[in-house]
Amino acid sequence: MSRTCQVTGATPGFGHHVSHSHRRTKRRFDVNVQSKRYWVPSLNRHVTLTLSARGIKTIDVRGIDAVVAEILARGEKL
């Protein structure tokens, strides 16, 4: 599963582990991605989205219909 939010577009960040001796090794900061199922009245069906915690809050504020319309306008398949 790609660690990308379908609403916010958040992707992993990259950086370094820094040890006590200040050696640097590569690391990855993953996005807090959850798989969540919503009922979408405009499509009259359930939709499963891959969302970050911020994406879930966005849906709570704007509503699922508005967010799904925006995702479909981008050409993403649901």
C-alpha atoms as a PDB file:
ATOM      1  CA  MET A   1       0.000   0.000   0.000  1.00  0.00           C
ATOM      2  CA  SER A   2       1.310   3.415  -0.963  1.00  0.00           C
ATOM      3  CA  ARG A   3       1.691   5.623   2.122  1.00  0.00           C
ATOM      4  CA  THR A   4      -0.146   8.539   0.492  1.00  0.00           C
ATOM      5  CA  CYS A   5      -3.292  10.321   1.639  1.00  0.00           C
ATOM      6  CA  GLN A   6      -5.985  10.552  -1.063  1.00  0.00           C
ATOM      7  CA  VAL A   7      -7.357  13.832   0.343  1.00  0.00           C
ATOM      8  CA  THR A   8      -4.325  15.890   1.392  1.00  0.00           C
ATOM      9  CA  GLY A   9      -1.732  14.236  -0.855  1.00  0.00           C
ATOM     10  CA  ALA A  10       0.636  13.787   2.117  1.00  0.00           C
ATOM     11  CA  THR A  11       3.618  11.546   1.263  1.00  0.00           C
ATOM     12  CA  PRO A  12       6.516  10.233   3.379  1.00  0.00           C
ATOM     13  CA  GLY A  13       9.327  12.589   4.296  1.00  0.00           C
ATOM     14  CA  PHE A  14      12.974  11.572   4.317  1.00  0.00           C
ATOM     15  CA  GLY A  15      15.818  12.429   6.634  1.00  0.00           C
ATOM     16  CA  HIS A  16      18.528  10.923   8.806  1.00  0.00           C
ATOM     17  CA  HIS A  17      18.841   9.029  12.071  1.00  0.00           C
ATOM     18  CA  VAL A  18      21.493  10.909  14.020  1.00  0.00           C
ATOM     19  CA  SER A  19      23.327   8.794  16.575  1.00  0.00           C
ATOM     20  CA  HIS A  20      25.068   9.998  19.712  1.00  0.00           C
ATOM     21  CA  SER A  21      28.360  10.069  17.780  1.00  0.00           C
ATOM     22  CA  HIS A  22      26.548  12.177  15.152  1.00  0.00           C
ATOM     23  CA  ARG A  23      26.689   9.532  12.420  1.00  0.00           C
ATOM     24  CA  ARG A  24      23.844   9.896   9.960  1.00  0.00           C
ATOM     25  CA  THR A  25      21.912   7.028   8.361  1.00  0.00           C
ATOM     26  CA  LYS A  26      18.907   7.308   6.079  1.00  0.00           C
ATOM     27  CA  ARG A  27      15.395   7.079   7.508  1.00  0.00           C
ATOM     28  CA  ARG A  28      11.831   7.651   6.420  1.00  0.00           C
ATOM     29  CA  PHE A  29       9.068   9.581   8.194  1.00  0.00           C
ATOM     30  CA  ASP A  30       5.876   7.722   7.252  1.00  0.00           C
ATOM     31  CA  VAL A  31       2.472   9.392   7.095  1.00  0.00           C
ATOM     32  CA  ASN A  32      -0.158   8.212   9.605  1.00  0.00           C
ATOM     33  CA  VAL A  33      -2.330   6.517   6.953  1.00  0.00           C
ATOM     34  CA  GLN A  34      -5.579   4.720   7.770  1.00  0.00           C
ATOM     35  CA  SER A  35      -7.984   2.819   5.535  1.00  0.00           C
ATOM     36  CA  LYS A  36     -11.490   4.193   6.152  1.00  0.00           C
ATOM     37  CA  ARG A  37     -14.881   3.313   4.662  1.00  0.00           C
ATOM     38  CA  TYR A  38     -17.505   6.014   4.069  1.00  0.00           C
ATOM     39  CA  TRP A  39     -21.064   5.995   2.738  1.00  0.00           C
ATOM     40  CA  VAL A  40     -21.297   8.529  -0.111  1.00  0.00           C
ATOM     41  CA  PRO A  41     -24.914   9.584  -0.731  1.00  0.00           C
ATOM     42  CA  SER A  42     -24.169  11.194  -4.110  1.00  0.00           C
ATOM     43  CA  LEU A  43     -22.710   7.905  -5.454  1.00  0.00           C
ATOM     44  CA  ASN A  44     -25.195   5.800  -3.465  1.00  0.00           C
ATOM     45  CA  ARG A  45     -22.439   3.380  -2.348  1.00  0.00           C
ATOM     46  CA  HIS A  46     -19.618   2.852   0.125  1.00  0.00           C
ATOM     47  CA  VAL A  47     -16.136   4.119  -0.724  1.00  0.00           C
ATOM     48  CA  THR A  48     -12.896   3.004   0.941  1.00  0.00           C
ATOM     49  CA  LEU A  49     -10.291   5.760   1.138  1.00  0.00           C
ATOM     50  CA  THR A  50      -6.664   5.762   2.284  1.00  0.00           C
ATOM     51  CA  LEU A  51      -6.477   8.795   4.568  1.00  0.00           C
ATOM     52  CA  SER A  52      -4.065  10.502   6.897  1.00  0.00           C
ATOM     53  CA  ALA A  53      -5.331  11.708  10.268  1.00  0.00           C
ATOM     54  CA  ARG A  54      -5.473  15.239   8.805  1.00  0.00           C
ATOM     55  CA  GLY A  55      -7.512  13.906   5.840  1.00  0.00           C
ATOM     56  CA  ILE A  56     -10.094  12.385   8.204  1.00  0.00           C
ATOM     57  CA  LYS A  57     -10.447  15.743   9.960  1.00  0.00           C
ATOM     58  CA  THR A  58     -10.840  17.471   6.570  1.00  0.00           C
ATOM     59  CA  ILE A  59     -13.739  15.146   5.696  1.00  0.00           C
ATOM     60  CA  ASP A  60     -15.348  15.871   9.083  1.00  0.00           C
ATOM     61  CA  VAL A  61     -15.252  19.613   8.331  1.00  0.00           C
ATOM     62  CA  ARG A  62     -16.056  19.749   4.590  1.00  0.00           C
ATOM     63  CA  GLY A  63     -18.230  16.652   4.220  1.00  0.00           C
ATOM     64  CA  ILE A  64     -17.683  13.443   2.277  1.00  0.00           C
ATOM     65  CA  ASP A  65     -19.610  14.570  -0.833  1.00  0.00           C
ATOM     66  CA  ALA A  66     -17.423  17.643  -1.383  1.00  0.00           C
ATOM     67  CA  VAL A  67     -14.195  15.711  -0.844  1.00  0.00           C
ATOM     68  CA  VAL A  68     -15.209  12.821  -3.131  1.00  0.00           C
ATOM     69  CA  ALA A  69     -16.229  15.293  -5.864  1.00  0.00           C
ATOM     70  CA  GLU A  70     -12.762  16.870  -5.649  1.00  0.00           C
ATOM     71  CA  ILE A  71     -11.040  13.452  -5.840  1.00  0.00           C
ATOM     72  CA  LEU A  72     -13.107  12.481  -8.884  1.00  0.00           C
ATOM     73  CA  ALA A  73     -12.357  15.859 -10.554  1.00  0.00           C
ATOM     74  CA  ARG A  74      -8.636  15.028 -10.267  1.00  0.00           C
ATOM     75  CA  GLY A  75      -9.350  11.846 -12.215  1.00  0.00           C
ATOM     76  CA  GLU A  76      -8.583   9.466  -9.370  1.00  0.00           C
ATOM     77  CA  LYS A  77     -10.519   6.189  -9.367  1.00  0.00           C
ATOM     78  CA  LEU A  78     -12.608   5.298  -6.295  1.00  0.00           C
END
